[in-house]
N, C-alpha and C. Protein backbone atom coordinates (compact mmCIF):
# COMPACT_ATOMS: atom_id res chain seq x y z
N LEU A 1 141.22 80.27 106.76
CA LEU A 1 140.87 81.69 106.72
C LEU A 1 139.36 81.88 106.74
N ALA A 2 138.65 81.04 106.01
CA ALA A 2 137.18 81.12 105.98
C ALA A 2 136.60 80.86 107.36
N PHE A 3 137.16 79.86 108.07
CA PHE A 3 136.70 79.56 109.42
C PHE A 3 136.90 80.77 110.34
N ARG A 4 138.06 81.40 110.21
CA ARG A 4 138.35 82.56 111.07
C ARG A 4 137.39 83.71 110.79
N LEU A 5 137.11 83.95 109.51
CA LEU A 5 136.20 85.02 109.15
C LEU A 5 134.79 84.75 109.67
N ILE A 6 134.33 83.52 109.51
CA ILE A 6 132.99 83.15 109.99
C ILE A 6 132.93 83.27 111.51
N SER A 7 133.99 82.81 112.19
CA SER A 7 134.06 82.89 113.64
C SER A 7 134.01 84.33 114.12
N SER A 8 134.81 85.19 113.47
CA SER A 8 134.89 86.59 113.87
C SER A 8 133.59 87.34 113.61
N LEU A 9 133.04 87.16 112.41
CA LEU A 9 131.82 87.87 112.04
C LEU A 9 130.61 87.39 112.84
N GLY A 10 130.54 86.07 113.06
CA GLY A 10 129.38 85.50 113.75
C GLY A 10 129.54 85.35 115.24
N ARG A 11 130.74 85.69 115.75
CA ARG A 11 131.04 85.51 117.18
C ARG A 11 130.76 84.07 117.61
N ILE A 12 131.39 83.16 116.88
CA ILE A 12 131.25 81.72 117.13
C ILE A 12 132.61 81.17 117.52
N ASP A 13 132.68 80.39 118.57
CA ASP A 13 133.94 79.81 119.03
C ASP A 13 134.60 79.03 117.90
N GLN A 14 135.87 79.40 117.60
CA GLN A 14 136.58 78.77 116.47
C GLN A 14 136.70 77.27 116.63
N GLN A 15 137.01 76.82 117.84
CA GLN A 15 137.21 75.39 118.07
C GLN A 15 135.91 74.63 117.83
N HIS A 16 134.81 75.18 118.29
CA HIS A 16 133.52 74.53 118.07
C HIS A 16 133.17 74.51 116.59
N LEU A 17 133.53 75.58 115.89
CA LEU A 17 133.25 75.66 114.46
C LEU A 17 134.04 74.61 113.69
N ARG A 18 135.32 74.47 114.03
CA ARG A 18 136.17 73.49 113.34
C ARG A 18 135.73 72.06 113.63
N ASN A 19 135.28 71.81 114.86
CA ASN A 19 134.88 70.46 115.25
C ASN A 19 133.43 70.13 114.87
N GLY A 20 132.70 71.15 114.41
CA GLY A 20 131.29 70.94 114.10
C GLY A 20 130.44 70.80 115.35
N ASP A 21 131.00 71.22 116.49
CA ASP A 21 130.30 71.09 117.78
C ASP A 21 129.56 72.40 118.09
N LEU A 22 128.50 72.66 117.35
CA LEU A 22 127.79 73.93 117.46
C LEU A 22 126.49 73.77 118.23
N ALA A 23 126.22 74.76 119.06
CA ALA A 23 124.95 74.79 119.79
C ALA A 23 123.85 75.29 118.86
N GLU A 24 122.63 75.06 119.25
CA GLU A 24 121.50 75.45 118.40
C GLU A 24 121.51 76.95 118.10
N GLU A 25 121.89 77.76 119.11
CA GLU A 25 121.88 79.21 118.90
C GLU A 25 123.03 79.68 118.01
N ASP A 26 124.02 78.80 117.74
CA ASP A 26 125.14 79.18 116.87
C ASP A 26 124.75 79.19 115.40
N TRP A 27 123.82 78.33 115.01
CA TRP A 27 123.52 78.15 113.59
C TRP A 27 123.01 79.42 112.91
N PRO A 28 122.12 80.20 113.51
CA PRO A 28 121.72 81.45 112.85
C PRO A 28 122.89 82.40 112.64
N ARG A 29 123.85 82.41 113.59
CA ARG A 29 125.01 83.27 113.45
C ARG A 29 125.93 82.78 112.34
N VAL A 30 126.05 81.45 112.20
CA VAL A 30 126.84 80.88 111.10
C VAL A 30 126.22 81.29 109.77
N THR A 31 124.92 81.13 109.65
CA THR A 31 124.21 81.48 108.42
C THR A 31 124.38 82.95 108.09
N SER A 32 124.24 83.80 109.11
CA SER A 32 124.37 85.24 108.91
C SER A 32 125.78 85.61 108.45
N ALA A 33 126.80 84.99 109.08
CA ALA A 33 128.19 85.29 108.72
C ALA A 33 128.49 84.83 107.29
N ILE A 34 128.03 83.65 106.92
CA ILE A 34 128.26 83.12 105.57
C ILE A 34 127.56 84.00 104.53
N THR A 35 126.35 84.44 104.84
CA THR A 35 125.63 85.33 103.92
C THR A 35 126.39 86.63 103.72
N LEU A 36 126.90 87.19 104.81
CA LEU A 36 127.66 88.44 104.72
C LEU A 36 128.92 88.25 103.88
N LEU A 37 129.62 87.12 104.10
CA LEU A 37 130.84 86.85 103.32
C LEU A 37 130.53 86.65 101.85
N SER A 38 129.43 85.97 101.55
CA SER A 38 129.07 85.70 100.16
C SER A 38 128.74 86.98 99.40
N GLU A 39 128.35 88.02 100.13
CA GLU A 39 128.02 89.30 99.51
C GLU A 39 129.21 90.24 99.47
N THR A 40 130.33 89.79 100.02
CA THR A 40 131.54 90.62 100.08
C THR A 40 132.55 90.11 99.06
N LYS A 41 133.14 91.04 98.32
CA LYS A 41 134.13 90.65 97.30
C LYS A 41 135.51 90.50 97.97
N ILE A 42 135.83 89.28 98.37
CA ILE A 42 137.14 88.98 98.94
C ILE A 42 137.84 88.01 98.00
N LEU A 43 138.97 88.42 97.45
CA LEU A 43 139.73 87.60 96.51
C LEU A 43 141.04 87.20 97.18
N ILE A 44 141.32 85.91 97.24
CA ILE A 44 142.52 85.40 97.91
C ILE A 44 143.47 84.80 96.88
N ASP A 45 144.70 85.28 96.86
CA ASP A 45 145.74 84.77 95.96
C ASP A 45 146.88 84.25 96.83
N ASP A 46 147.07 82.93 96.84
CA ASP A 46 148.11 82.35 97.71
C ASP A 46 149.34 81.92 96.92
N THR A 47 149.61 82.60 95.81
CA THR A 47 150.82 82.31 95.03
C THR A 47 152.06 82.55 95.88
N PRO A 48 152.97 81.57 96.00
CA PRO A 48 154.16 81.76 96.84
C PRO A 48 155.19 82.67 96.17
N ALA A 49 155.95 83.38 97.00
CA ALA A 49 157.07 84.23 96.55
C ALA A 49 156.65 85.16 95.42
N LEU A 50 155.51 85.79 95.56
CA LEU A 50 155.00 86.72 94.55
C LEU A 50 155.93 87.94 94.47
N SER A 51 156.22 88.37 93.27
CA SER A 51 157.08 89.54 93.08
C SER A 51 156.23 90.80 93.02
N PRO A 52 156.83 91.98 93.27
CA PRO A 52 156.07 93.23 93.16
C PRO A 52 155.46 93.42 91.78
N ALA A 53 156.18 93.02 90.73
CA ALA A 53 155.67 93.17 89.37
C ALA A 53 154.45 92.28 89.14
N GLU A 54 154.50 91.05 89.65
CA GLU A 54 153.36 90.13 89.50
C GLU A 54 152.16 90.64 90.29
N LEU A 55 152.41 91.12 91.49
CA LEU A 55 151.32 91.67 92.31
C LEU A 55 150.69 92.86 91.60
N ARG A 56 151.52 93.72 91.04
CA ARG A 56 151.00 94.91 90.35
C ARG A 56 150.11 94.51 89.18
N ALA A 57 150.56 93.53 88.38
CA ALA A 57 149.78 93.09 87.22
C ALA A 57 148.43 92.51 87.65
N ARG A 58 148.44 91.69 88.69
CA ARG A 58 147.19 91.08 89.16
C ARG A 58 146.27 92.12 89.79
N ALA A 59 146.85 93.06 90.51
CA ALA A 59 146.05 94.10 91.15
C ALA A 59 145.38 95.00 90.10
N ARG A 60 146.11 95.32 89.05
CA ARG A 60 145.52 96.14 87.97
C ARG A 60 144.34 95.42 87.34
N ARG A 61 144.51 94.13 87.10
CA ARG A 61 143.43 93.35 86.49
C ARG A 61 142.21 93.29 87.41
N MET A 62 142.46 93.06 88.70
CA MET A 62 141.34 92.99 89.65
C MET A 62 140.67 94.34 89.82
N LYS A 63 141.45 95.40 89.71
CA LYS A 63 140.88 96.76 89.80
C LYS A 63 139.90 96.98 88.65
N ARG A 64 140.28 96.53 87.46
CA ARG A 64 139.40 96.68 86.29
C ARG A 64 138.15 95.81 86.42
N GLN A 65 138.34 94.57 86.89
CA GLN A 65 137.23 93.61 86.92
C GLN A 65 136.31 93.78 88.11
N TYR A 66 136.88 94.09 89.28
CA TYR A 66 136.09 94.09 90.51
C TYR A 66 136.09 95.42 91.26
N ASP A 67 136.70 96.44 90.68
CA ASP A 67 136.83 97.73 91.37
C ASP A 67 137.48 97.54 92.73
N LEU A 68 138.66 96.96 92.72
CA LEU A 68 139.42 96.63 93.92
C LEU A 68 139.52 97.83 94.86
N GLY A 69 139.24 97.61 96.15
CA GLY A 69 139.25 98.71 97.11
C GLY A 69 140.33 98.62 98.17
N LEU A 70 140.99 97.46 98.31
CA LEU A 70 141.98 97.26 99.36
C LEU A 70 142.84 96.05 99.02
N ILE A 71 144.14 96.14 99.30
CA ILE A 71 145.05 95.01 99.15
C ILE A 71 145.69 94.72 100.50
N VAL A 72 145.70 93.45 100.91
CA VAL A 72 146.37 93.03 102.14
C VAL A 72 147.43 92.01 101.76
N VAL A 73 148.68 92.27 102.13
CA VAL A 73 149.80 91.36 101.86
C VAL A 73 150.17 90.65 103.16
N ASP A 74 150.08 89.33 103.17
CA ASP A 74 150.35 88.54 104.37
C ASP A 74 151.40 87.46 104.05
N TYR A 75 152.65 87.75 104.29
CA TYR A 75 153.21 88.98 104.81
C TYR A 75 154.33 89.42 103.89
N LEU A 76 154.83 90.63 104.08
CA LEU A 76 155.76 91.27 103.16
C LEU A 76 157.02 90.44 102.90
N GLN A 77 157.56 89.81 103.94
CA GLN A 77 158.81 89.05 103.78
C GLN A 77 158.65 87.78 102.96
N LEU A 78 157.40 87.38 102.64
CA LEU A 78 157.19 86.21 101.79
C LEU A 78 157.25 86.56 100.31
N MET A 79 157.27 87.86 100.00
CA MET A 79 157.42 88.28 98.61
C MET A 79 158.89 88.19 98.21
N ALA A 80 159.15 88.20 96.92
CA ALA A 80 160.53 88.07 96.44
C ALA A 80 160.70 88.85 95.15
N VAL A 81 161.95 89.25 94.90
CA VAL A 81 162.30 89.94 93.66
C VAL A 81 163.15 88.99 92.83
N PRO A 82 162.66 88.51 91.68
CA PRO A 82 163.42 87.56 90.86
C PRO A 82 164.78 88.12 90.45
N GLY A 83 165.80 87.29 90.57
CA GLY A 83 167.14 87.67 90.13
C GLY A 83 167.86 88.61 91.07
N ASN A 84 167.31 88.86 92.24
CA ASN A 84 167.97 89.75 93.18
C ASN A 84 169.24 89.10 93.71
N LYS A 85 170.36 89.77 93.52
CA LYS A 85 171.66 89.22 93.93
C LYS A 85 172.23 89.93 95.16
N GLU A 86 171.52 90.95 95.61
CA GLU A 86 172.02 91.71 96.75
C GLU A 86 171.47 91.14 98.06
N ASN A 87 171.68 91.86 99.15
CA ASN A 87 171.23 91.33 100.44
C ASN A 87 169.72 91.46 100.60
N ARG A 88 169.21 90.78 101.63
CA ARG A 88 167.76 90.71 101.83
C ARG A 88 167.17 92.09 102.14
N ALA A 89 167.91 92.92 102.85
CA ALA A 89 167.42 94.26 103.18
C ALA A 89 167.16 95.07 101.92
N THR A 90 168.04 94.93 100.92
CA THR A 90 167.86 95.63 99.65
C THR A 90 166.63 95.12 98.93
N GLU A 91 166.42 93.81 98.99
CA GLU A 91 165.25 93.21 98.34
C GLU A 91 163.96 93.69 99.01
N ILE A 92 163.93 93.71 100.34
CA ILE A 92 162.75 94.19 101.06
C ILE A 92 162.49 95.66 100.73
N SER A 93 163.56 96.43 100.57
CA SER A 93 163.42 97.83 100.21
C SER A 93 162.72 97.98 98.86
N GLU A 94 163.09 97.16 97.90
CA GLU A 94 162.46 97.20 96.58
C GLU A 94 160.99 96.79 96.65
N ILE A 95 160.71 95.77 97.46
CA ILE A 95 159.32 95.31 97.64
C ILE A 95 158.49 96.41 98.29
N SER A 96 159.04 97.05 99.32
CA SER A 96 158.34 98.10 100.04
C SER A 96 158.02 99.28 99.11
N ARG A 97 158.99 99.69 98.31
CA ARG A 97 158.76 100.78 97.36
C ARG A 97 157.70 100.40 96.33
N GLY A 98 157.72 99.12 95.92
CA GLY A 98 156.73 98.65 94.95
C GLY A 98 155.32 98.72 95.49
N LEU A 99 155.14 98.35 96.76
CA LEU A 99 153.82 98.41 97.39
C LEU A 99 153.34 99.85 97.53
N LYS A 100 154.27 100.75 97.86
CA LYS A 100 153.93 102.17 97.98
C LYS A 100 153.48 102.72 96.63
N ALA A 101 154.22 102.37 95.58
CA ALA A 101 153.87 102.84 94.23
C ALA A 101 152.53 102.28 93.78
N LEU A 102 152.25 101.03 94.14
CA LEU A 102 150.99 100.39 93.77
C LEU A 102 149.81 101.10 94.43
N ALA A 103 149.96 101.43 95.70
CA ALA A 103 148.90 102.14 96.42
C ALA A 103 148.59 103.48 95.75
N LYS A 104 149.65 104.19 95.33
CA LYS A 104 149.45 105.49 94.68
C LYS A 104 148.82 105.32 93.30
N GLU A 105 149.29 104.33 92.55
CA GLU A 105 148.78 104.12 91.19
C GLU A 105 147.29 103.79 91.19
N LEU A 106 146.87 102.87 92.06
CA LEU A 106 145.48 102.42 92.08
C LEU A 106 144.60 103.25 93.01
N ASN A 107 145.26 104.14 93.79
CA ASN A 107 144.55 105.00 94.73
C ASN A 107 143.72 104.19 95.73
N ILE A 108 144.35 103.16 96.29
CA ILE A 108 143.70 102.31 97.29
C ILE A 108 144.70 102.03 98.42
N PRO A 109 144.20 101.70 99.62
CA PRO A 109 145.12 101.33 100.70
C PRO A 109 145.78 99.98 100.43
N VAL A 110 147.05 99.86 100.78
CA VAL A 110 147.76 98.59 100.75
C VAL A 110 148.25 98.32 102.17
N ILE A 111 147.74 97.27 102.79
CA ILE A 111 148.15 96.88 104.14
C ILE A 111 149.13 95.72 104.01
N ALA A 112 150.34 95.90 104.52
CA ALA A 112 151.36 94.85 104.44
C ALA A 112 151.73 94.40 105.85
N LEU A 113 151.48 93.13 106.16
CA LEU A 113 151.93 92.58 107.43
C LEU A 113 153.43 92.33 107.35
N SER A 114 154.11 92.43 108.48
CA SER A 114 155.56 92.26 108.50
C SER A 114 156.00 91.42 109.69
N GLN A 115 157.07 90.68 109.51
CA GLN A 115 157.66 89.95 110.62
C GLN A 115 158.40 90.91 111.54
N LEU A 116 158.56 90.50 112.79
CA LEU A 116 159.36 91.25 113.75
C LEU A 116 160.62 90.46 114.08
N ASN A 117 161.67 91.17 114.45
CA ASN A 117 162.89 90.51 114.88
C ASN A 117 162.66 89.78 116.20
N ARG A 118 163.21 88.59 116.33
CA ARG A 118 163.03 87.80 117.54
C ARG A 118 163.73 88.43 118.75
N SER A 119 164.64 89.34 118.52
CA SER A 119 165.40 89.92 119.63
C SER A 119 164.51 90.63 120.64
N LEU A 120 163.32 91.06 120.22
CA LEU A 120 162.44 91.77 121.16
C LEU A 120 162.02 90.87 122.32
N GLU A 121 162.03 89.55 122.10
CA GLU A 121 161.61 88.62 123.16
C GLU A 121 162.64 88.55 124.29
N GLN A 122 163.83 89.10 124.05
CA GLN A 122 164.86 89.10 125.09
C GLN A 122 164.73 90.31 126.01
N ARG A 123 163.89 91.28 125.63
CA ARG A 123 163.75 92.49 126.42
C ARG A 123 162.74 92.30 127.55
N THR A 124 162.88 93.11 128.59
CA THR A 124 161.89 93.10 129.67
C THR A 124 160.56 93.63 129.17
N ASP A 125 160.60 94.78 128.50
CA ASP A 125 159.39 95.35 127.89
C ASP A 125 159.33 94.86 126.44
N LYS A 126 158.41 93.98 126.18
CA LYS A 126 158.34 93.34 124.87
C LYS A 126 157.42 94.06 123.88
N ARG A 127 157.00 95.24 124.23
CA ARG A 127 156.21 96.02 123.28
C ARG A 127 157.07 96.35 122.07
N PRO A 128 156.60 96.04 120.86
CA PRO A 128 157.42 96.28 119.67
C PRO A 128 157.60 97.76 119.38
N VAL A 129 158.76 98.08 118.83
CA VAL A 129 159.07 99.44 118.37
C VAL A 129 159.52 99.35 116.92
N MET A 130 159.72 100.50 116.30
CA MET A 130 160.04 100.53 114.86
C MET A 130 161.26 99.68 114.51
N ALA A 131 162.28 99.72 115.36
CA ALA A 131 163.51 98.99 115.07
C ALA A 131 163.31 97.48 115.07
N ASP A 132 162.17 97.00 115.60
CA ASP A 132 161.91 95.56 115.63
C ASP A 132 161.39 95.02 114.31
N LEU A 133 161.01 95.91 113.39
CA LEU A 133 160.58 95.45 112.07
C LEU A 133 161.75 94.80 111.36
N ARG A 134 161.56 93.60 110.87
CA ARG A 134 162.65 92.90 110.19
C ARG A 134 162.98 93.63 108.89
N GLU A 135 164.28 93.89 108.65
CA GLU A 135 164.72 94.72 107.52
C GLU A 135 163.91 96.02 107.51
N SER A 136 163.98 96.76 108.64
CA SER A 136 163.00 97.80 108.92
C SER A 136 163.19 99.11 108.18
N GLY A 137 164.40 99.41 107.70
CA GLY A 137 164.68 100.74 107.16
C GLY A 137 163.69 101.23 106.13
N ALA A 138 163.50 100.44 105.06
CA ALA A 138 162.62 100.86 103.97
C ALA A 138 161.16 100.85 104.40
N ILE A 139 160.78 99.87 105.20
CA ILE A 139 159.39 99.78 105.66
C ILE A 139 159.04 101.04 106.46
N GLU A 140 159.92 101.41 107.36
CA GLU A 140 159.69 102.58 108.20
C GLU A 140 159.59 103.85 107.37
N GLN A 141 160.39 103.94 106.32
CA GLN A 141 160.40 105.13 105.47
C GLN A 141 159.17 105.20 104.57
N ASP A 142 158.78 104.08 103.98
CA ASP A 142 157.72 104.08 102.97
C ASP A 142 156.31 104.11 103.54
N ALA A 143 156.11 103.49 104.70
CA ALA A 143 154.75 103.36 105.25
C ALA A 143 154.20 104.70 105.70
N ASP A 144 152.91 104.91 105.46
CA ASP A 144 152.22 106.09 105.99
C ASP A 144 151.81 105.86 107.44
N VAL A 145 151.42 104.63 107.75
CA VAL A 145 151.01 104.27 109.10
C VAL A 145 151.64 102.93 109.47
N ILE A 146 152.20 102.83 110.66
CA ILE A 146 152.73 101.56 111.16
C ILE A 146 152.05 101.25 112.49
N LEU A 147 151.40 100.10 112.54
CA LEU A 147 150.70 99.66 113.74
C LEU A 147 151.32 98.38 114.27
N PHE A 148 151.44 98.27 115.57
CA PHE A 148 151.87 97.03 116.22
C PHE A 148 150.76 96.54 117.14
N ILE A 149 150.63 95.22 117.27
CA ILE A 149 149.68 94.64 118.22
C ILE A 149 150.48 94.00 119.35
N TYR A 150 150.14 94.35 120.57
CA TYR A 150 150.82 93.77 121.74
C TYR A 150 149.79 93.27 122.73
N ARG A 151 149.96 92.01 123.17
CA ARG A 151 149.10 91.43 124.21
C ARG A 151 149.99 90.94 125.34
N ASP A 152 149.88 91.56 126.50
CA ASP A 152 150.74 91.22 127.62
C ASP A 152 150.55 89.77 128.06
N GLU A 153 149.32 89.26 127.97
CA GLU A 153 149.06 87.89 128.43
C GLU A 153 149.73 86.84 127.54
N TYR A 154 150.16 87.24 126.34
CA TYR A 154 150.89 86.31 125.47
C TYR A 154 152.21 85.92 126.12
N TYR A 155 152.82 86.87 126.83
CA TYR A 155 154.10 86.62 127.49
C TYR A 155 153.94 86.30 128.97
N ASP A 156 152.88 86.79 129.58
CA ASP A 156 152.65 86.59 131.02
C ASP A 156 151.22 86.08 131.23
N LYS A 157 151.09 84.79 131.50
CA LYS A 157 149.76 84.18 131.64
C LYS A 157 148.99 84.74 132.83
N ASP A 158 149.70 85.33 133.79
CA ASP A 158 149.05 85.91 134.97
C ASP A 158 148.88 87.42 134.84
N SER A 159 148.99 87.94 133.64
CA SER A 159 148.93 89.38 133.42
C SER A 159 147.61 89.97 133.91
N ALA A 160 147.70 91.17 134.47
CA ALA A 160 146.49 91.89 134.89
C ALA A 160 145.71 92.40 133.69
N ASP A 161 146.36 92.43 132.53
CA ASP A 161 145.71 92.91 131.30
C ASP A 161 145.19 91.76 130.44
N LYS A 162 144.79 90.68 131.08
CA LYS A 162 144.26 89.53 130.34
C LYS A 162 143.02 89.96 129.55
N GLY A 163 142.98 89.55 128.30
CA GLY A 163 141.84 89.89 127.45
C GLY A 163 141.94 91.27 126.81
N LEU A 164 143.09 91.93 127.00
CA LEU A 164 143.29 93.25 126.40
C LEU A 164 144.41 93.21 125.38
N ALA A 165 144.29 94.02 124.35
CA ALA A 165 145.34 94.17 123.35
C ALA A 165 145.67 95.65 123.21
N GLU A 166 146.95 95.94 123.04
CA GLU A 166 147.36 97.32 122.78
C GLU A 166 147.64 97.47 121.30
N ILE A 167 146.99 98.43 120.67
CA ILE A 167 147.30 98.79 119.30
C ILE A 167 148.24 99.98 119.38
N ILE A 168 149.50 99.75 119.06
CA ILE A 168 150.53 100.78 119.19
C ILE A 168 150.72 101.45 117.83
N ILE A 169 150.42 102.74 117.77
CA ILE A 169 150.60 103.50 116.53
C ILE A 169 152.03 104.01 116.53
N GLY A 170 152.92 103.27 115.85
CA GLY A 170 154.33 103.63 115.85
C GLY A 170 154.65 104.78 114.91
N LYS A 171 153.83 104.90 113.86
CA LYS A 171 154.02 105.99 112.89
C LYS A 171 152.67 106.32 112.28
N GLN A 172 152.41 107.60 112.13
CA GLN A 172 151.23 108.06 111.41
C GLN A 172 151.61 109.37 110.73
N ARG A 173 151.76 109.31 109.42
CA ARG A 173 152.31 110.45 108.69
C ARG A 173 151.49 111.73 108.91
N ASN A 174 150.19 111.59 109.00
CA ASN A 174 149.34 112.78 109.12
C ASN A 174 148.55 112.81 110.42
N GLY A 175 149.11 112.26 111.47
CA GLY A 175 148.39 112.25 112.74
C GLY A 175 149.29 111.86 113.89
N PRO A 176 148.71 111.76 115.09
CA PRO A 176 149.51 111.45 116.28
C PRO A 176 149.86 109.97 116.39
N THR A 177 150.90 109.69 117.13
CA THR A 177 151.23 108.31 117.50
C THR A 177 150.71 108.08 118.92
N GLY A 178 150.75 106.84 119.37
CA GLY A 178 150.27 106.54 120.71
C GLY A 178 149.76 105.12 120.81
N THR A 179 148.93 104.86 121.79
CA THR A 179 148.44 103.51 122.06
C THR A 179 146.94 103.52 122.30
N VAL A 180 146.25 102.55 121.72
CA VAL A 180 144.82 102.36 121.95
C VAL A 180 144.63 100.95 122.51
N LYS A 181 143.88 100.83 123.60
CA LYS A 181 143.61 99.51 124.17
C LYS A 181 142.26 99.00 123.69
N LEU A 182 142.26 97.74 123.25
CA LEU A 182 141.04 97.09 122.78
C LEU A 182 140.84 95.78 123.53
N THR A 183 139.61 95.33 123.57
CA THR A 183 139.33 94.00 124.09
C THR A 183 139.66 92.98 123.02
N PHE A 184 140.38 91.91 123.38
CA PHE A 184 140.71 90.85 122.43
C PHE A 184 139.93 89.60 122.80
N LEU A 185 139.08 89.15 121.90
CA LEU A 185 138.29 87.94 122.10
C LEU A 185 138.96 86.82 121.32
N GLY A 186 139.85 86.09 121.99
CA GLY A 186 140.68 85.09 121.32
C GLY A 186 139.90 83.99 120.63
N ARG A 187 138.81 83.55 121.23
CA ARG A 187 138.08 82.43 120.63
C ARG A 187 137.37 82.82 119.35
N TYR A 188 137.22 84.17 119.14
CA TYR A 188 136.64 84.65 117.89
C TYR A 188 137.68 85.32 116.99
N THR A 189 138.94 85.45 117.46
CA THR A 189 139.96 86.26 116.79
C THR A 189 139.38 87.62 116.43
N ARG A 190 138.90 88.31 117.44
CA ARG A 190 138.15 89.55 117.20
C ARG A 190 138.60 90.63 118.19
N PHE A 191 138.77 91.84 117.69
CA PHE A 191 139.09 92.99 118.54
C PHE A 191 137.85 93.88 118.64
N GLU A 192 137.58 94.39 119.86
CA GLU A 192 136.44 95.27 120.06
C GLU A 192 136.84 96.41 120.99
N SER A 193 136.07 97.48 120.93
CA SER A 193 136.29 98.60 121.86
C SER A 193 136.11 98.10 123.29
N THR A 194 136.91 98.63 124.20
CA THR A 194 136.80 98.22 125.60
C THR A 194 135.55 98.83 126.21
N ALA A 195 134.95 98.11 127.14
CA ALA A 195 133.73 98.59 127.80
C ALA A 195 134.04 99.72 128.77
N SER A 196 135.25 99.67 129.35
CA SER A 196 135.61 100.65 130.37
C SER A 196 136.36 101.83 129.76
N GLU A 197 136.01 103.03 130.15
CA GLU A 197 136.69 104.21 129.64
C GLU A 197 138.12 104.31 130.17
N SER A 198 138.42 103.55 131.23
CA SER A 198 139.77 103.60 131.81
C SER A 198 140.79 102.98 130.87
N HIS A 199 140.32 102.26 129.85
CA HIS A 199 141.22 101.66 128.88
C HIS A 199 141.21 102.46 127.58
N GLY A 200 141.11 103.76 127.68
CA GLY A 200 141.00 104.59 126.49
C GLY A 200 142.32 104.77 125.77
N ALA A 201 142.30 105.67 124.80
CA ALA A 201 143.48 105.90 123.96
C ALA A 201 144.48 106.82 124.66
N ARG A 202 145.74 106.64 124.29
CA ARG A 202 146.81 107.52 124.77
C ARG A 202 147.64 107.93 123.57
N TYR A 203 147.66 109.22 123.25
CA TYR A 203 148.37 109.71 122.07
C TYR A 203 149.52 110.61 122.48
N GLU A 204 150.46 110.73 121.55
CA GLU A 204 151.61 111.61 121.78
C GLU A 204 151.65 112.66 120.68
């Protein structure tokens, strides 16, 4: 994760960074990225199968100690509810409600990544839709905003949209839905605004 952050912030090729194969002009960017990260309060908790109650307790503590401003869960389906005897959809529903309640309690955004159903890969148009969210019912109901990332070149190496990513706004409680096209710089794992206005936003 640290390598990815340094690569993205410093615009340094990830492979070169991992191999230590850096050009002379890369070093100032590495230094700048590391300095920026060192001044940023990023706390990483990789506890497996974290429950909503455990997350809430840790988030409250971090809010008191560090004035927590954002929580990112990577990813929602890796969380678990101890003692849950019902089906997985019910468990995901409880986790989703817990994240929503946590965001309201601490008054901060909670971003939860989610898996998609593999069935979308069988479709001709592989752009994800709401129904592709795994155990999607509760997630769709609880989320204020749902975003999907789609890159045509991931499925078609000869795609005319090589180097482009579509940010699909599937749900926005207080705004429009639609699609925004961004430039995707894979070697930096970085998204940027497109240079051409022809790749602008499309809202509904």
